[in-house]
């Protein structure tokens, strides 16, 4: 590769960064949107239809951004299924937050969700069952301690 080819490789990326994205690409994005996932363990109180009707456009009037709610029911809340559902959900869509509820009374659910939240930087709110249990304080010097 001669000198012109070398300078093209050096200058072209800098030029693209300096120019920024095309104006048409920015216009196509539209207003910002907030994607919230609601994931509930199998409950006899809530049906799939009721869960899908939790949030509609009429509740979002007056908000400065669009709010999209992705609502799902989970039949099994064992650790493997829980991690699989949450990871599939987060990898399949851009999620900004997760609301989780289940019918168990196991603190392990809250610990798993805490770990997933700390690794993905996505806030997870436990609202029912094991997900909503208060965990013991973390030891001083622990790698998961939040100051």
C-alpha atoms as a PDB file:
ATOM      1  CA  UNK A   1       0.000   0.000   0.000  1.00  0.00           C
ATOM      2  CA  UNK A   2       1.427   3.361  -1.034  1.00  0.00           C
ATOM      3  CA  UNK A   3       1.345   6.653   0.813  1.00  0.00           C
ATOM      4  CA  UNK A   4      -2.085   7.708  -0.570  1.00  0.00           C
ATOM      5  CA  UNK A   5      -3.634   4.448   0.695  1.00  0.00           C
ATOM      6  CA  UNK A   6      -2.025   4.903   4.108  1.00  0.00           C
ATOM      7  CA  UNK A   7      -3.282   8.466   4.502  1.00  0.00           C
ATOM      8  CA  UNK A   8      -6.758   7.425   3.412  1.00  0.00           C
ATOM      9  CA  UNK A   9      -6.885   4.835   6.190  1.00  0.00           C
ATOM     10  CA  UNK A  10      -5.678   7.392   8.733  1.00  0.00           C
ATOM     11  CA  UNK A  11      -7.754  10.398   7.651  1.00  0.00           C
ATOM     12  CA  UNK A  12     -11.059   8.768   6.640  1.00  0.00           C
ATOM     13  CA  UNK A  13     -12.112   7.587  10.156  1.00  0.00           C
ATOM     14  CA  UNK A  14     -11.222  10.982  11.634  1.00  0.00           C
ATOM     15  CA  UNK A  15     -13.208  12.734   8.910  1.00  0.00           C
ATOM     16  CA  UNK A  16     -16.265  10.525   9.513  1.00  0.00           C
ATOM     17  CA  UNK A  17     -16.156  11.241  13.250  1.00  0.00           C
ATOM     18  CA  UNK A  18     -15.754  14.965  12.600  1.00  0.00           C
ATOM     19  CA  UNK A  19     -18.719  15.068  10.186  1.00  0.00           C
ATOM     20  CA  UNK A  20     -20.961  13.102  12.531  1.00  0.00           C
ATOM     21  CA  UNK A  21     -24.048  11.144  11.480  1.00  0.00           C
ATOM     22  CA  UNK A  22     -26.125  12.282   8.543  1.00  0.00           C
ATOM     23  CA  UNK A  23     -28.934  14.699   9.364  1.00  0.00           C
ATOM     24  CA  UNK A  24     -31.481  12.325   7.821  1.00  0.00           C
ATOM     25  CA  UNK A  25     -30.412   9.539  10.194  1.00  0.00           C
ATOM     26  CA  UNK A  26     -30.963  11.783  13.218  1.00  0.00           C
ATOM     27  CA  UNK A  27     -34.388  12.831  11.931  1.00  0.00           C
ATOM     28  CA  UNK A  28     -35.499   9.206  11.453  1.00  0.00           C
ATOM     29  CA  UNK A  29     -34.899   8.318  15.109  1.00  0.00           C
ATOM     30  CA  UNK A  30     -37.769  10.448  16.361  1.00  0.00           C
ATOM     31  CA  UNK A  31     -38.379  11.366  19.998  1.00  0.00           C
ATOM     32  CA  UNK A  32     -36.572   9.449  22.735  1.00  0.00           C
ATOM     33  CA  UNK A  33     -38.337   6.392  24.135  1.00  0.00           C
ATOM     34  CA  UNK A  34     -38.112   4.618  27.480  1.00  0.00           C
ATOM     35  CA  UNK A  35     -38.569   0.831  27.369  1.00  0.00           C
ATOM     36  CA  UNK A  36     -39.714  -0.799  30.612  1.00  0.00           C
ATOM     37  CA  UNK A  37     -40.176  -4.551  30.969  1.00  0.00           C
ATOM     38  CA  UNK A  38     -42.702  -6.012  33.411  1.00  0.00           C
ATOM     39  CA  UNK A  39     -41.960  -9.671  34.131  1.00  0.00           C
ATOM     40  CA  UNK A  40     -44.296 -11.515  36.486  1.00  0.00           C
ATOM     41  CA  UNK A  41     -43.989 -15.062  37.729  1.00  0.00           C
ATOM     42  CA  UNK A  42     -47.048 -17.232  37.153  1.00  0.00           C
ATOM     43  CA  UNK A  43     -49.876 -15.844  39.233  1.00  0.00           C
ATOM     44  CA  UNK A  44     -53.500 -16.883  39.288  1.00  0.00           C
ATOM     45  CA  UNK A  45     -54.542 -13.266  39.931  1.00  0.00           C
ATOM     46  CA  UNK A  46     -53.286 -11.836  36.627  1.00  0.00           C
ATOM     47  CA  UNK A  47     -54.034 -13.036  33.121  1.00  0.00           C
ATOM     48  CA  UNK A  48     -51.920 -12.434  30.027  1.00  0.00           C
ATOM     49  CA  UNK A  49     -54.586 -10.079  28.637  1.00  0.00           C
ATOM     50  CA  UNK A  50     -54.703  -7.964  31.823  1.00  0.00           C
ATOM     51  CA  UNK A  51     -50.925  -7.790  31.853  1.00  0.00           C
ATOM     52  CA  UNK A  52     -50.779  -6.492  28.274  1.00  0.00           C
ATOM     53  CA  UNK A  53     -53.344  -3.779  29.095  1.00  0.00           C
ATOM     54  CA  UNK A  54     -51.324  -2.354  32.012  1.00  0.00           C
ATOM     55  CA  UNK A  55     -50.007   0.575  30.025  1.00  0.00           C
ATOM     56  CA  UNK A  56     -51.424   2.354  27.030  1.00  0.00           C
ATOM     57  CA  UNK A  57     -50.926   5.605  25.151  1.00  0.00           C
ATOM     58  CA  UNK A  58     -53.552   7.344  27.306  1.00  0.00           C
ATOM     59  CA  UNK A  59     -51.355   6.963  30.430  1.00  0.00           C
ATOM     60  CA  UNK A  60     -48.362   8.498  28.645  1.00  0.00           C
ATOM     61  CA  UNK A  61     -49.987  11.837  27.806  1.00  0.00           C
ATOM     62  CA  UNK A  62     -47.953  14.758  29.069  1.00  0.00           C
ATOM     63  CA  UNK A  63     -44.702  12.811  29.414  1.00  0.00           C
ATOM     64  CA  UNK A  64     -41.682  14.285  27.613  1.00  0.00           C
ATOM     65  CA  UNK A  65     -40.843  10.934  25.978  1.00  0.00           C
ATOM     66  CA  UNK A  66     -42.561   7.816  24.723  1.00  0.00           C
ATOM     67  CA  UNK A  67     -42.856   4.997  27.265  1.00  0.00           C
ATOM     68  CA  UNK A  68     -43.080   1.460  25.931  1.00  0.00           C
ATOM     69  CA  UNK A  69     -44.025  -1.336  28.328  1.00  0.00           C
ATOM     70  CA  UNK A  70     -43.108  -4.920  27.484  1.00  0.00           C
ATOM     71  CA  UNK A  71     -45.198  -7.189  29.724  1.00  0.00           C
ATOM     72  CA  UNK A  72     -44.556 -10.930  30.085  1.00  0.00           C
ATOM     73  CA  UNK A  73     -45.780 -13.771  32.277  1.00  0.00           C
ATOM     74  CA  UNK A  74     -43.375 -16.498  33.360  1.00  0.00           C
ATOM     75  CA  UNK A  75     -44.645 -19.986  34.199  1.00  0.00           C
ATOM     76  CA  UNK A  76     -41.535 -21.184  36.015  1.00  0.00           C
ATOM     77  CA  UNK A  77     -39.480 -19.162  38.487  1.00  0.00           C
ATOM     78  CA  UNK A  78     -36.672 -21.620  39.205  1.00  0.00           C
ATOM     79  CA  UNK A  79     -33.191 -20.030  38.984  1.00  0.00           C
ATOM     80  CA  UNK A  80     -32.348 -21.375  35.517  1.00  0.00           C
ATOM     81  CA  UNK A  81     -35.673 -20.275  33.995  1.00  0.00           C
ATOM     82  CA  UNK A  82     -35.492 -16.894  35.725  1.00  0.00           C
ATOM     83  CA  UNK A  83     -32.013 -16.099  34.433  1.00  0.00           C
ATOM     84  CA  UNK A  84     -32.893 -17.399  30.965  1.00  0.00           C
ATOM     85  CA  UNK A  85     -36.061 -15.258  30.732  1.00  0.00           C
ATOM     86  CA  UNK A  86     -34.379 -12.091  31.990  1.00  0.00           C
ATOM     87  CA  UNK A  87     -31.317 -12.494  29.754  1.00  0.00           C
ATOM     88  CA  UNK A  88     -33.438 -13.327  26.688  1.00  0.00           C
ATOM     89  CA  UNK A  89     -35.573 -10.268  27.353  1.00  0.00           C
ATOM     90  CA  UNK A  90     -32.571  -7.968  27.753  1.00  0.00           C
ATOM     91  CA  UNK A  91     -30.776  -9.327  24.701  1.00  0.00           C
ATOM     92  CA  UNK A  92     -33.856  -9.197  22.471  1.00  0.00           C
ATOM     93  CA  UNK A  93     -34.859  -5.593  23.120  1.00  0.00           C
ATOM     94  CA  UNK A  94     -33.261  -2.423  24.429  1.00  0.00           C
ATOM     95  CA  UNK A  95     -34.621  -2.332  27.972  1.00  0.00           C
ATOM     96  CA  UNK A  96     -34.043   0.645  30.285  1.00  0.00           C
ATOM     97  CA  UNK A  97     -35.604  -0.907  33.396  1.00  0.00           C
ATOM     98  CA  UNK A  98     -37.246  -4.085  34.656  1.00  0.00           C
ATOM     99  CA  UNK A  99     -40.121  -4.566  37.101  1.00  0.00           C
ATOM    100  CA  UNK A 100     -40.217  -8.116  38.473  1.00  0.00           C
ATOM    101  CA  UNK A 101     -42.679  -9.965  40.682  1.00  0.00           C
ATOM    102  CA  UNK A 102     -43.106 -13.633  41.546  1.00  0.00           C
ATOM    103  CA  UNK A 103     -44.998 -15.917  43.914  1.00  0.00           C
ATOM    104  CA  UNK A 104     -41.997 -17.360  45.741  1.00  0.00           C
ATOM    105  CA  UNK A 105     -40.631 -16.421  49.131  1.00  0.00           C
ATOM    106  CA  UNK A 106     -36.996 -17.136  48.287  1.00  0.00           C
ATOM    107  CA  UNK A 107     -34.408 -14.431  48.898  1.00  0.00           C
ATOM    108  CA  UNK A 108     -32.259 -16.059  46.195  1.00  0.00           C
ATOM    109  CA  UNK A 109     -34.494 -14.447  43.559  1.00  0.00           C
ATOM    110  CA  UNK A 110     -33.609 -10.977  44.867  1.00  0.00           C
ATOM    111  CA  UNK A 111     -29.919 -11.900  44.919  1.00  0.00           C
ATOM    112  CA  UNK A 112     -29.999 -13.126  41.311  1.00  0.00           C
ATOM    113  CA  UNK A 113     -31.786  -9.975  40.149  1.00  0.00           C
ATOM    114  CA  UNK A 114     -29.299  -7.839  42.096  1.00  0.00           C
ATOM    115  CA  UNK A 115     -26.425  -9.607  40.358  1.00  0.00           C
ATOM    116  CA  UNK A 116     -28.005  -9.198  36.903  1.00  0.00           C
ATOM    117  CA  UNK A 117     -28.672  -5.518  37.598  1.00  0.00           C
ATOM    118  CA  UNK A 118     -25.103  -4.894  38.762  1.00  0.00           C
ATOM    119  CA  UNK A 119     -23.658  -6.571  35.664  1.00  0.00           C
ATOM    120  CA  UNK A 120     -25.953  -4.932  33.080  1.00  0.00           C
ATOM    121  CA  UNK A 121     -26.453  -1.520  34.739  1.00  0.00           C
ATOM    122  CA  UNK A 122     -30.198  -1.906  34.199  1.00  0.00           C
ATOM    123  CA  UNK A 123     -32.311  -1.022  37.257  1.00  0.00           C
ATOM    124  CA  UNK A 124     -34.518  -3.893  38.440  1.00  0.00           C
ATOM    125  CA  UNK A 125     -37.421  -3.249  40.804  1.00  0.00           C
ATOM    126  CA  UNK A 126     -38.764  -6.239  42.749  1.00  0.00           C
ATOM    127  CA  UNK A 127     -42.436  -5.708  43.603  1.00  0.00           C
ATOM    128  CA  UNK A 128     -43.717  -9.041  44.909  1.00  0.00           C
ATOM    129  CA  UNK A 129     -42.507 -12.311  46.387  1.00  0.00           C
ATOM    130  CA  UNK A 130     -38.842 -13.251  46.577  1.00  0.00           C
ATOM    131  CA  UNK A 131     -37.841 -10.407  44.280  1.00  0.00           C
ATOM    132  CA  UNK A 132     -39.033  -7.838  46.810  1.00  0.00           C
ATOM    133  CA  UNK A 133     -37.210  -9.256  49.840  1.00  0.00           C
ATOM    134  CA  UNK A 134     -34.713  -7.038  51.590  1.00  0.00           C
ATOM    135  CA  UNK A 135     -31.258  -8.503  51.362  1.00  0.00           C
ATOM    136  CA  UNK A 136     -28.711  -8.524  54.152  1.00  0.00           C
ATOM    137  CA  UNK A 137     -26.139  -5.724  54.170  1.00  0.00           C
ATOM    138  CA  UNK A 138     -23.078  -6.344  52.067  1.00  0.00           C
ATOM    139  CA  UNK A 139     -19.773  -6.698  53.901  1.00  0.00           C
ATOM    140  CA  UNK A 140     -17.230  -3.923  53.829  1.00  0.00           C
ATOM    141  CA  UNK A 141     -14.706  -4.555  51.062  1.00  0.00           C
ATOM    142  CA  UNK A 142     -17.088  -6.803  49.124  1.00  0.00           C
ATOM    143  CA  UNK A 143     -16.827  -6.375  45.355  1.00  0.00           C
ATOM    144  CA  UNK A 144     -20.611  -5.809  45.091  1.00  0.00           C
ATOM    145  CA  UNK A 145     -20.786  -3.146  47.788  1.00  0.00           C
ATOM    146  CA  UNK A 146     -22.327   0.125  46.651  1.00  0.00           C
ATOM    147  CA  UNK A 147     -21.145   3.224  48.506  1.00  0.00           C
END
